[in-house]
Every structure is written in C-alpha cells, then in structure tokens.
C-alpha atoms as a PDB file:
ATOM      1  CA  UNK A   1     -23.617  -6.155 -43.073  1.00  0.00           C
ATOM      2  CA  UNK A   2     -21.023  -5.032 -40.517  1.00  0.00           C
ATOM      3  CA  UNK A   3     -22.236  -3.908 -37.131  1.00  0.00           C
ATOM      4  CA  UNK A   4     -20.945  -0.440 -36.183  1.00  0.00           C
ATOM      5  CA  UNK A   5     -21.416  -0.845 -32.397  1.00  0.00           C
ATOM      6  CA  UNK A   6     -19.279  -3.968 -32.004  1.00  0.00           C
ATOM      7  CA  UNK A   7     -16.829  -4.226 -29.133  1.00  0.00           C
ATOM      8  CA  UNK A   8     -13.184  -3.457 -29.956  1.00  0.00           C
ATOM      9  CA  UNK A   9     -10.812  -6.394 -30.064  1.00  0.00           C
ATOM     10  CA  UNK A  10      -8.596  -7.275 -27.140  1.00  0.00           C
ATOM     11  CA  UNK A  11      -5.543  -5.887 -28.946  1.00  0.00           C
ATOM     12  CA  UNK A  12      -7.316  -2.569 -29.595  1.00  0.00           C
ATOM     13  CA  UNK A  13      -8.376  -2.313 -25.947  1.00  0.00           C
ATOM     14  CA  UNK A  14      -4.804  -2.972 -24.781  1.00  0.00           C
ATOM     15  CA  UNK A  15      -3.463  -0.340 -27.200  1.00  0.00           C
ATOM     16  CA  UNK A  16      -6.024   2.171 -25.959  1.00  0.00           C
ATOM     17  CA  UNK A  17      -5.161   1.370 -22.332  1.00  0.00           C
ATOM     18  CA  UNK A  18      -1.449   2.056 -22.968  1.00  0.00           C
ATOM     19  CA  UNK A  19      -2.256   5.298 -24.832  1.00  0.00           C
ATOM     20  CA  UNK A  20      -4.419   6.501 -21.952  1.00  0.00           C
ATOM     21  CA  UNK A  21      -1.807   5.460 -19.387  1.00  0.00           C
ATOM     22  CA  UNK A  22       0.890   7.413 -21.258  1.00  0.00           C
ATOM     23  CA  UNK A  23      -1.396  10.434 -21.406  1.00  0.00           C
ATOM     24  CA  UNK A  24      -2.112  10.276 -17.672  1.00  0.00           C
ATOM     25  CA  UNK A  25       1.570   9.864 -16.773  1.00  0.00           C
ATOM     26  CA  UNK A  26       2.335  13.113 -18.581  1.00  0.00           C
ATOM     27  CA  UNK A  27       0.033  14.877 -16.100  1.00  0.00           C
ATOM     28  CA  UNK A  28       1.871  13.560 -13.034  1.00  0.00           C
ATOM     29  CA  UNK A  29       3.839  16.095 -11.002  1.00  0.00           C
ATOM     30  CA  UNK A  30       6.873  14.234  -9.734  1.00  0.00           C
ATOM     31  CA  UNK A  31       8.311  15.338  -6.360  1.00  0.00           C
ATOM     32  CA  UNK A  32      11.669  17.049  -6.124  1.00  0.00           C
ATOM     33  CA  UNK A  33      14.510  15.599  -4.058  1.00  0.00           C
ATOM     34  CA  UNK A  34      13.729  17.620  -0.908  1.00  0.00           C
ATOM     35  CA  UNK A  35      10.067  16.582  -0.889  1.00  0.00           C
ATOM     36  CA  UNK A  36      10.932  12.963  -1.566  1.00  0.00           C
ATOM     37  CA  UNK A  37      13.404  12.836   1.337  1.00  0.00           C
ATOM     38  CA  UNK A  38      10.901  14.531   3.668  1.00  0.00           C
ATOM     39  CA  UNK A  39       8.124  12.101   2.709  1.00  0.00           C
ATOM     40  CA  UNK A  40      10.460   9.132   3.075  1.00  0.00           C
ATOM     41  CA  UNK A  41      11.428  10.222   6.580  1.00  0.00           C
ATOM     42  CA  UNK A  42       7.763  10.632   7.539  1.00  0.00           C
ATOM     43  CA  UNK A  43       6.999   7.111   6.280  1.00  0.00           C
ATOM     44  CA  UNK A  44       9.987   5.637   8.141  1.00  0.00           C
ATOM     45  CA  UNK A  45       8.961   7.425  11.362  1.00  0.00           C
ATOM     46  CA  UNK A  46       5.408   6.101  11.045  1.00  0.00           C
ATOM     47  CA  UNK A  47       6.643   2.564  10.387  1.00  0.00           C
ATOM     48  CA  UNK A  48       8.927   2.791  13.421  1.00  0.00           C
ATOM     49  CA  UNK A  49       6.105   4.125  15.634  1.00  0.00           C
ATOM     50  CA  UNK A  50       3.674   1.418  14.553  1.00  0.00           C
ATOM     51  CA  UNK A  51       6.382  -1.230  14.983  1.00  0.00           C
ATOM     52  CA  UNK A  52       7.104  -0.075  18.538  1.00  0.00           C
ATOM     53  CA  UNK A  53       3.368  -0.003  19.331  1.00  0.00           C
ATOM     54  CA  UNK A  54       2.897  -3.560  18.048  1.00  0.00           C
ATOM     55  CA  UNK A  55       5.990  -4.737  19.927  1.00  0.00           C
ATOM     56  CA  UNK A  56       4.754  -3.235  23.224  1.00  0.00           C
ATOM     57  CA  UNK A  57       1.226  -4.585  22.687  1.00  0.00           C
ATOM     58  CA  UNK A  58       2.642  -8.040  21.912  1.00  0.00           C
ATOM     59  CA  UNK A  59       4.795  -7.989  25.054  1.00  0.00           C
ATOM     60  CA  UNK A  60       1.837  -6.973  27.250  1.00  0.00           C
ATOM     61  CA  UNK A  61      -0.458  -9.519  25.618  1.00  0.00           C
ATOM     62  CA  UNK A  62       2.224 -12.202  26.067  1.00  0.00           C
ATOM     63  CA  UNK A  63       2.507 -11.402  29.774  1.00  0.00           C
ATOM     64  CA  UNK A  64      -1.272 -11.508  30.100  1.00  0.00           C
ATOM     65  CA  UNK A  65      -1.557 -14.878  28.335  1.00  0.00           C
ATOM     66  CA  UNK A  66       1.332 -16.335  30.351  1.00  0.00           C
ATOM     67  CA  UNK A  67      -0.347 -15.104  33.539  1.00  0.00           C
ATOM     68  CA  UNK A  68      -3.601 -16.817  32.622  1.00  0.00           C
ATOM     69  CA  UNK A  69      -1.747 -20.029  31.716  1.00  0.00           C
ATOM     70  CA  UNK A  70       0.123 -20.018  35.037  1.00  0.00           C
ATOM     71  CA  UNK A  71      -3.169 -19.482  36.916  1.00  0.00           C
ATOM     72  CA  UNK A  72      -4.786 -22.414  35.123  1.00  0.00           C
ATOM     73  CA  UNK A  73      -1.805 -24.731  35.704  1.00  0.00           C
ATOM     74  CA  UNK A  74      -1.790 -23.854  39.376  1.00  0.00           C
END
C-alpha cells in the first residue's frame, strides 16, 4: 500500500524550487538605465559619507587613546 501523503524526493523539491524561482523572476520589474544610475550614485554617496564618518571617528578615538597612553606613561 503506497502512502499518498509522503514527502517529495529531494530531486522533486529542487525542481519545484527552480520552477517557483523562474515564476517569481518573471514578476520582477527591472530598473531602467536612468533609475539604475541614480540608485548607484545614491549608494556611492552613502558609502562615501559613512567612510568619512568612520575615518573621522577613528582619528578622534586614536587621539583620545594616545592621550590616555601618554598620561599613563608620564
């Protein structure tokens, strides 16, 4: 007697996953060139801003740590 509620095999689950992925990718609205360039520039500006913030914070923290070390050394 074969059980009707058995789990699908690994191969069947992989096939179903690829079918569903293909179906979902058809629903994606891809950006046009203008939108892509605009979004890229926003990301680059944010990366630059965060990089500058980290650089400044690191410089200030370095000065603070060096000041404490020089106080301890005498």
